[in-house]
C-alpha atoms as a PDB file:
ATOM      1  CA  MET A   1       0.000   0.000   0.000  1.00  0.00           C
ATOM      2  CA  ALA A   2       1.081   3.546  -0.735  1.00  0.00           C
ATOM      3  CA  THR A   3       2.787   5.461   2.045  1.00  0.00           C
ATOM      4  CA  GLN A   4       3.851   9.079   2.358  1.00  0.00           C
ATOM      5  CA  SER A   5       6.870  10.741   3.935  1.00  0.00           C
ATOM      6  CA  LYS A   6       4.836  13.286   5.911  1.00  0.00           C
ATOM      7  CA  PRO A   7       2.567  11.827   8.602  1.00  0.00           C
ATOM      8  CA  GLN A   8      -1.216  12.032   8.270  1.00  0.00           C
ATOM      9  CA  SER A   9      -3.142  14.042  10.849  1.00  0.00           C
ATOM     10  CA  PHE A  10      -5.631  11.918  12.786  1.00  0.00           C
ATOM     11  CA  GLU A  11      -7.796  15.047  13.120  1.00  0.00           C
ATOM     12  CA  ASP A  12      -8.495  15.186   9.383  1.00  0.00           C
ATOM     13  CA  HIS A  13     -12.184  14.258   9.261  1.00  0.00           C
ATOM     14  CA  GLU A  14     -12.021  13.330   5.576  1.00  0.00           C
ATOM     15  CA  PHE A  15     -10.076  10.218   6.552  1.00  0.00           C
ATOM     16  CA  PHE A  16     -11.001   9.991  10.251  1.00  0.00           C
ATOM     17  CA  PRO A  17     -14.755  10.661  10.191  1.00  0.00           C
ATOM     18  CA  SER A  18     -17.206  10.729  13.061  1.00  0.00           C
ATOM     19  CA  PHE A  19     -19.405   7.655  13.436  1.00  0.00           C
ATOM     20  CA  ARG A  20     -22.414   9.325  11.801  1.00  0.00           C
ATOM     21  CA  ASP A  21     -20.277  10.341   8.812  1.00  0.00           C
ATOM     22  CA  CYS A  22     -19.266   6.741   8.062  1.00  0.00           C
ATOM     23  CA  PRO A  23     -21.056   5.086   5.131  1.00  0.00           C
ATOM     24  CA  GLU A  24     -24.136   2.961   5.770  1.00  0.00           C
ATOM     25  CA  GLU A  25     -24.102  -0.750   5.048  1.00  0.00           C
ATOM     26  CA  HIS A  26     -25.683  -1.679   1.698  1.00  0.00           C
ATOM     27  CA  ALA A  27     -25.766   1.958   0.591  1.00  0.00           C
ATOM     28  CA  TRP A  28     -23.772   3.915  -1.974  1.00  0.00           C
ATOM     29  CA  ASP A  29     -21.639   6.787  -0.707  1.00  0.00           C
ATOM     30  CA  ASP A  30     -19.526   8.758  -3.176  1.00  0.00           C
ATOM     31  CA  ARG A  31     -17.385  10.056  -0.316  1.00  0.00           C
ATOM     32  CA  TYR A  32     -15.910   6.574   0.094  1.00  0.00           C
ATOM     33  CA  LEU A  33     -16.809   4.399  -2.897  1.00  0.00           C
ATOM     34  CA  VAL A  34     -16.207   4.338  -6.623  1.00  0.00           C
ATOM     35  CA  GLU A  35     -17.538   1.989  -9.288  1.00  0.00           C
ATOM     36  CA  ALA A  36     -15.198  -0.947  -9.737  1.00  0.00           C
ATOM     37  CA  ASP A  37     -16.033  -1.027 -13.449  1.00  0.00           C
ATOM     38  CA  PRO A  38     -17.420   2.343 -14.638  1.00  0.00           C
ATOM     39  CA  GLY A  39     -18.460   0.711 -17.929  1.00  0.00           C
ATOM     40  CA  HIS A  40     -20.994  -1.447 -16.103  1.00  0.00           C
ATOM     41  CA  PRO A  41     -23.385   0.566 -13.901  1.00  0.00           C
ATOM     42  CA  ASP A  42     -24.399  -2.556 -11.935  1.00  0.00           C
ATOM     43  CA  SER A  43     -20.830  -3.437 -10.975  1.00  0.00           C
ATOM     44  CA  ALA A  44     -19.954  -3.518  -7.300  1.00  0.00           C
ATOM     45  CA  GLY A  45     -18.297  -0.514  -5.708  1.00  0.00           C
ATOM     46  CA  THR A  46     -14.821  -0.424  -4.268  1.00  0.00           C
ATOM     47  CA  ASN A  47     -13.056   1.902  -1.862  1.00  0.00           C
ATOM     48  CA  TRP A  48     -11.276   4.850  -3.428  1.00  0.00           C
ATOM     49  CA  LYS A  49      -9.581   5.924  -0.188  1.00  0.00           C
ATOM     50  CA  HIS A  50      -8.775   4.653   3.295  1.00  0.00           C
ATOM     51  CA  TRP A  51     -10.898   5.799   6.240  1.00  0.00           C
ATOM     52  CA  CYS A  52     -10.635   5.008   9.910  1.00  0.00           C
ATOM     53  CA  LEU A  53     -12.883   5.309  12.960  1.00  0.00           C
ATOM     54  CA  LEU A  54     -10.690   6.219  15.906  1.00  0.00           C
ATOM     55  CA  ARG A  55     -12.560   6.725  19.192  1.00  0.00           C
ATOM     56  CA  ASP A  56     -12.719   6.405  22.993  1.00  0.00           C
ATOM     57  CA  ILE A  57     -13.852   3.124  24.543  1.00  0.00           C
ATOM     58  CA  ILE A  58     -16.364   3.969  27.282  1.00  0.00           C
ATOM     59  CA  GLN A  59     -17.719   0.468  27.868  1.00  0.00           C
ATOM     60  CA  ALA A  60     -16.239  -2.986  27.215  1.00  0.00           C
ATOM     61  CA  ASP A  61     -18.170  -6.216  27.708  1.00  0.00           C
ATOM     62  CA  THR A  62     -17.335  -9.864  26.970  1.00  0.00           C
ATOM     63  CA  ILE A  63     -20.228 -11.632  28.750  1.00  0.00           C
ATOM     64  CA  VAL A  64     -22.037 -12.849  25.610  1.00  0.00           C
ATOM     65  CA  ARG A  65     -19.628 -11.734  22.899  1.00  0.00           C
ATOM     66  CA  PRO A  66     -16.999  -8.998  22.765  1.00  0.00           C
ATOM     67  CA  ARG A  67     -18.835  -5.685  22.569  1.00  0.00           C
ATOM     68  CA  ILE A  68     -17.672  -2.111  22.947  1.00  0.00           C
ATOM     69  CA  VAL A  69     -19.484   1.164  23.367  1.00  0.00           C
ATOM     70  CA  ALA A  70     -17.440   4.076  22.050  1.00  0.00           C
ATOM     71  CA  LYS A  71     -17.947   7.833  21.821  1.00  0.00           C
ATOM     72  CA  ASP A  72     -16.835  10.009  18.942  1.00  0.00           C
ATOM     73  CA  HIS A  73     -15.722  13.654  18.844  1.00  0.00           C
ATOM     74  CA  LYS A  74     -19.319  14.816  18.301  1.00  0.00           C
ATOM     75  CA  GLY A  75     -20.446  13.042  21.470  1.00  0.00           C
ATOM     76  CA  ASP A  76     -22.337  10.281  19.632  1.00  0.00           C
ATOM     77  CA  ARG A  77     -22.187   6.855  21.254  1.00  0.00           C
ATOM     78  CA  PHE A  78     -22.124   3.733  19.123  1.00  0.00           C
ATOM     79  CA  VAL A  79     -21.723  -0.023  19.557  1.00  0.00           C
ATOM     80  CA  VAL A  80     -18.869  -2.099  18.159  1.00  0.00           C
ATOM     81  CA  GLY A  81     -19.852  -5.770  18.008  1.00  0.00           C
ATOM     82  CA  PHE A  82     -17.281  -8.445  17.194  1.00  0.00           C
ATOM     83  CA  TYR A  83     -18.406 -11.460  15.116  1.00  0.00           C
ATOM     84  CA  PRO A  84     -14.961 -12.755  14.141  1.00  0.00           C
ATOM     85  CA  ASP A  85     -14.478 -14.752  10.950  1.00  0.00           C
ATOM     86  CA  ASP A  86     -11.253 -15.968  12.566  1.00  0.00           C
ATOM     87  CA  PRO A  87     -11.647 -16.504  16.341  1.00  0.00           C
ATOM     88  CA  ASN A  88      -7.894 -17.078  16.564  1.00  0.00           C
ATOM     89  CA  ASP A  89      -7.379 -13.343  15.998  1.00  0.00           C
ATOM     90  CA  MET A  90      -9.525 -12.275  18.961  1.00  0.00           C
ATOM     91  CA  PRO A  91      -6.788 -12.625  21.646  1.00  0.00           C
ATOM     92  CA  ARG A  92      -4.985  -9.735  19.899  1.00  0.00           C
ATOM     93  CA  ILE A  93      -8.102  -7.569  20.253  1.00  0.00           C
ATOM     94  CA  LEU A  94      -8.882  -8.678  23.809  1.00  0.00           C
ATOM     95  CA  LYS A  95      -5.352  -7.900  25.008  1.00  0.00           C
ATOM     96  CA  ASN A  96      -6.237  -4.186  25.279  1.00  0.00           C
ATOM     97  CA  PHE A  97     -10.035  -4.557  25.571  1.00  0.00           C
ATOM     98  CA  THR A  98     -10.308  -1.931  28.300  1.00  0.00           C
ATOM     99  CA  VAL A  99     -12.325   1.193  29.014  1.00  0.00           C
ATOM    100  CA  GLY A 100     -10.158   4.250  28.414  1.00  0.00           C
ATOM    101  CA  ASN A 101      -8.269   2.802  25.449  1.00  0.00           C
ATOM    102  CA  THR A 102      -8.884   3.738  21.800  1.00  0.00           C
ATOM    103  CA  ILE A 103     -10.692   1.559  19.261  1.00  0.00           C
ATOM    104  CA  VAL A 104      -9.366   1.661  15.687  1.00  0.00           C
ATOM    105  CA  ILE A 105     -11.516   0.364  12.812  1.00  0.00           C
ATOM    106  CA  PHE A 106     -10.624   0.719   9.148  1.00  0.00           C
ATOM    107  CA  TYR A 107     -13.444   0.894   6.556  1.00  0.00           C
ATOM    108  CA  PRO A 108     -16.289   0.950   9.146  1.00  0.00           C
ATOM    109  CA  LEU A 109     -19.896   0.791   7.954  1.00  0.00           C
ATOM    110  CA  VAL A 110     -22.899   1.874  10.006  1.00  0.00           C
ATOM    111  CA  HIS A 111     -24.778  -1.282  11.063  1.00  0.00           C
ATOM    112  CA  HIS A 112     -28.227  -1.665  12.635  1.00  0.00           C
ATOM    113  CA  PHE A 113     -28.178  -4.475  15.209  1.00  0.00           C
ATOM    114  CA  LEU A 114     -31.183  -6.664  16.037  1.00  0.00           C
ATOM    115  CA  ASP A 115     -31.449  -5.065  19.482  1.00  0.00           C
ATOM    116  CA  ARG A 116     -32.069  -1.727  17.697  1.00  0.00           C
ATOM    117  CA  THR A 117     -28.717  -0.273  18.635  1.00  0.00           C
ATOM    118  CA  ILE A 118     -26.514   1.120  15.882  1.00  0.00           C
ATOM    119  CA  GLY A 119     -22.809   0.861  15.482  1.00  0.00           C
ATOM    120  CA  VAL A 120     -20.201  -1.128  13.596  1.00  0.00           C
ATOM    121  CA  ARG A 121     -20.230  -4.884  13.113  1.00  0.00           C
ATOM    122  CA  VAL A 122     -16.684  -6.273  12.894  1.00  0.00           C
ATOM    123  CA  ASP A 123     -16.463  -9.632  11.123  1.00  0.00           C
ATOM    124  CA  ASN A 124     -12.958  -9.235   9.740  1.00  0.00           C
ATOM    125  CA  THR A 125     -10.991  -8.428  12.881  1.00  0.00           C
ATOM    126  CA  THR A 126      -7.798  -7.775  10.892  1.00  0.00           C
ATOM    127  CA  LYS A 127      -9.347  -4.372  10.091  1.00  0.00           C
ATOM    128  CA  ALA A 128      -9.554  -3.476  13.803  1.00  0.00           C
ATOM    129  CA  SER A 129      -7.182  -2.869  16.669  1.00  0.00           C
ATOM    130  CA  ILE A 130      -7.113  -1.253  20.103  1.00  0.00           C
ATOM    131  CA  VAL A 131      -4.385   1.239  21.002  1.00  0.00           C
ATOM    132  CA  PRO A 132      -3.523   1.131  24.729  1.00  0.00           C
ATOM    133  CA  LEU A 133      -3.864   4.901  25.084  1.00  0.00           C
ATOM    134  CA  ALA A 134      -6.728   7.311  25.705  1.00  0.00           C
ATOM    135  CA  PHE A 135      -8.040   8.970  22.549  1.00  0.00           C
ATOM    136  CA  GLN A 136      -6.615  12.388  23.469  1.00  0.00           C
ATOM    137  CA  ASP A 137      -3.217  10.758  24.049  1.00  0.00           C
ATOM    138  CA  VAL A 138      -3.417   9.155  20.598  1.00  0.00           C
ATOM    139  CA  ILE A 139      -4.104  12.590  19.092  1.00  0.00           C
ATOM    140  CA  GLN A 140      -1.202  14.149  21.003  1.00  0.00           C
ATOM    141  CA  MET A 141       1.081  11.284  19.958  1.00  0.00           C
ATOM    142  CA  ASN A 142       0.104  11.897  16.333  1.00  0.00           C
ATOM    143  CA  LYS A 143       0.872  15.621  16.688  1.00  0.00           C
ATOM    144  CA  GLU A 144       4.324  14.814  18.063  1.00  0.00           C
ATOM    145  CA  VAL A 145       5.054  12.466  15.162  1.00  0.00           C
ATOM    146  CA  ILE A 146       3.963  15.156  12.684  1.00  0.00           C
ATOM    147  CA  LYS A 147       6.002  17.866  14.392  1.00  0.00           C
ATOM    148  CA  TYR A 148       9.226  15.864  14.540  1.00  0.00           C
ATOM    149  CA  THR A 149       9.074  14.204  11.125  1.00  0.00           C
ATOM    150  CA  PRO A 150      10.914  16.659   8.870  1.00  0.00           C
ATOM    151  CA  ALA A 151       9.627  17.665   5.464  1.00  0.00           C
ATOM    152  CA  GLU A 152      11.740  16.456   2.565  1.00  0.00           C
ATOM    153  CA  GLY A 153      14.949  18.473   2.441  1.00  0.00           C
ATOM    154  CA  SER A 154      14.528  19.848   5.979  1.00  0.00           C
ATOM    155  CA  PRO A 155      16.854  18.944   8.869  1.00  0.00           C
ATOM    156  CA  GLN A 156      15.889  16.513  11.602  1.00  0.00           C
ATOM    157  CA  LYS A 157      15.138  18.088  15.003  1.00  0.00           C
ATOM    158  CA  CYS A 158      16.047  16.744  18.398  1.00  0.00           C
ATOM    159  CA  HIS A 159      12.898  15.664  20.237  1.00  0.00           C
ATOM    160  CA  GLY A 160      14.378  16.933  23.485  1.00  0.00           C
ATOM    161  CA  CYS A 161      15.799  20.381  22.721  1.00  0.00           C
ATOM    162  CA  ASP A 162      14.247  21.059  19.273  1.00  0.00           C
ATOM    163  CA  GLU A 163      17.638  21.905  17.791  1.00  0.00           C
ATOM    164  CA  PRO A 164      18.273  20.828  14.156  1.00  0.00           C
ATOM    165  CA  LYS A 165      21.507  18.824  14.006  1.00  0.00           C
ATOM    166  CA  GLU A 166      23.150  15.882  12.291  1.00  0.00           C
ATOM    167  CA  ASN A 167      24.272  12.526  13.656  1.00  0.00           C
ATOM    168  CA  PHE A 168      21.407  12.069  16.086  1.00  0.00           C
ATOM    169  CA  ASN A 169      20.749   8.997  18.173  1.00  0.00           C
ATOM    170  CA  LYS A 170      17.449   7.329  17.233  1.00  0.00           C
ATOM    171  CA  CYS A 171      14.955   5.933  19.743  1.00  0.00           C
ATOM    172  CA  ALA A 172      15.658   2.214  19.580  1.00  0.00           C
ATOM    173  CA  ARG A 173      12.072   1.212  20.410  1.00  0.00           C
ATOM    174  CA  CYS A 174       9.828   3.321  18.147  1.00  0.00           C
ATOM    175  CA  THR A 175      12.555   4.573  15.713  1.00  0.00           C
ATOM    176  CA  LEU A 176      10.599   7.793  15.006  1.00  0.00           C
ATOM    177  CA  PHE A 177      12.284  10.302  17.309  1.00  0.00           C
ATOM    178  CA  HIS A 178      15.906  11.470  17.469  1.00  0.00           C
ATOM    179  CA  TYR A 179      18.075  12.885  20.259  1.00  0.00           C
ATOM    180  CA  CYS A 180      21.342  14.782  20.695  1.00  0.00           C
ATOM    181  CA  ASN A 181      22.272  12.771  23.751  1.00  0.00           C
ATOM    182  CA  ARG A 182      20.876  10.931  26.762  1.00  0.00           C
ATOM    183  CA  ASP A 183      19.935  14.183  28.531  1.00  0.00           C
ATOM    184  CA  CYS A 184      17.695  15.206  25.615  1.00  0.00           C
ATOM    185  CA  GLN A 185      16.187  11.727  25.486  1.00  0.00           C
ATOM    186  CA  THR A 186      15.408  11.839  29.219  1.00  0.00           C
ATOM    187  CA  LYS A 187      13.824  15.293  28.828  1.00  0.00           C
ATOM    188  CA  ALA A 188      11.546  14.092  26.020  1.00  0.00           C
ATOM    189  CA  TRP A 189      10.772  10.878  27.893  1.00  0.00           C
ATOM    190  CA  ASN A 190       9.475  12.821  30.887  1.00  0.00           C
ATOM    191  CA  GLU A 191       8.376  16.248  29.626  1.00  0.00           C
ATOM    192  CA  LYS A 192       7.070  15.387  26.148  1.00  0.00           C
ATOM    193  CA  HIS A 193       5.338  12.177  27.205  1.00  0.00           C
ATOM    194  CA  HIS A 194       7.479   9.893  25.070  1.00  0.00           C
ATOM    195  CA  LYS A 195       7.361   7.410  27.939  1.00  0.00           C
ATOM    196  CA  THR A 196       3.607   7.150  27.246  1.00  0.00           C
ATOM    197  CA  PHE A 197       3.754   7.213  23.447  1.00  0.00           C
ATOM    198  CA  CYS A 198       6.766   4.995  22.790  1.00  0.00           C
ATOM    199  CA  LYS A 199       5.034   1.813  23.948  1.00  0.00           C
ATOM    200  CA  ALA A 200       2.239   2.350  21.397  1.00  0.00           C
ATOM    201  CA  LEU A 201       4.560   3.503  18.607  1.00  0.00           C
ATOM    202  CA  LYS A 202       6.783   0.442  18.803  1.00  0.00           C
ATOM    203  CA  ASP A 203       3.806  -1.442  17.315  1.00  0.00           C
ATOM    204  CA  ASN A 204       4.464  -1.541  13.556  1.00  0.00           C
ATOM    205  CA  SER A 205       0.754  -1.115  12.779  1.00  0.00           C
ATOM    206  CA  VAL A 206       0.463   2.065  14.856  1.00  0.00           C
ATOM    207  CA  ARG A 207       3.532   3.546  13.170  1.00  0.00           C
ATOM    208  CA  TYR A 208       2.168   2.553   9.763  1.00  0.00           C
ATOM    209  CA  MET A 209      -1.137   4.347  10.453  1.00  0.00           C
ATOM    210  CA  HIS A 210       0.776   7.630  10.584  1.00  0.00           C
ATOM    211  CA  PHE A 211       2.395   7.245   7.166  1.00  0.00           C
ATOM    212  CA  LEU A 212      -0.310   5.542   5.118  1.00  0.00           C
ATOM    213  CA  ASN A 213      -1.389   7.551   2.064  1.00  0.00           C
ATOM    214  CA  TYR A 214      -5.074   7.719   2.953  1.00  0.00           C
ATOM    215  CA  GLY A 215      -6.087   9.318  -0.335  1.00  0.00           C
ATOM    216  CA  THR A 216      -4.919   6.345  -2.417  1.00  0.00           C
ATOM    217  CA  TYR A 217      -6.584   2.958  -1.956  1.00  0.00           C
ATOM    218  CA  ASP A 218      -4.569   0.062  -3.358  1.00  0.00           C
ATOM    219  CA  GLY A 219      -5.381  -2.623  -0.812  1.00  0.00           C
ATOM    220  CA  SER A 220      -6.792  -2.918   2.677  1.00  0.00           C
ATOM    221  CA  VAL A 221      -4.981  -2.205   5.921  1.00  0.00           C
ATOM    222  CA  VAL A 222      -4.377  -5.408   7.899  1.00  0.00           C
ATOM    223  CA  PHE A 223      -3.612  -5.546  11.608  1.00  0.00           C
ATOM    224  CA  ALA A 224      -1.833  -8.643  12.858  1.00  0.00           C
END
């Protein structure tokens, strides 16, 4: 899949919509879909971009089946019900299945459940993940990645002192931030919350989310 050198903002609602702005199941939505074969009007649609629902978990329940209630930036609450095609993938989801973490779902469709609740039905769990951070921490983490990823041709900045230099030391865990020395690394670890963000960013999928070219769809995101 296409990537880009400059990180994508998770606050861009074109690619990170609210729940109500996600497409409905079994409905056409030009904001997300394009005809697979324009020469045949009855051909199935396909995604023309990537989109992701990224929201707070406010309730998590596994009594009958894994089920989440989440809240988006507009204050709307919605259900996420898991009906896994591959039950062997569920331990990955359940590892961080906790109130206060952030649910991530790529290509979500609005689903009407039999109990008259609405939300997202997740059959293919490889399109979902849970980041072990609060939503606002995920947004702040994303801002830090954007700020300290230089534009092409621009110098790299130290994450601790903000000075542009050469021959930095790279964070060995997440590999995204650079430091003049151990003092600068300690400063960023404590004062810029890298201690909180580094654990999430060492996950390849979380790093990849930042650099995916969301405007070009050439295959689905897969969490593993």
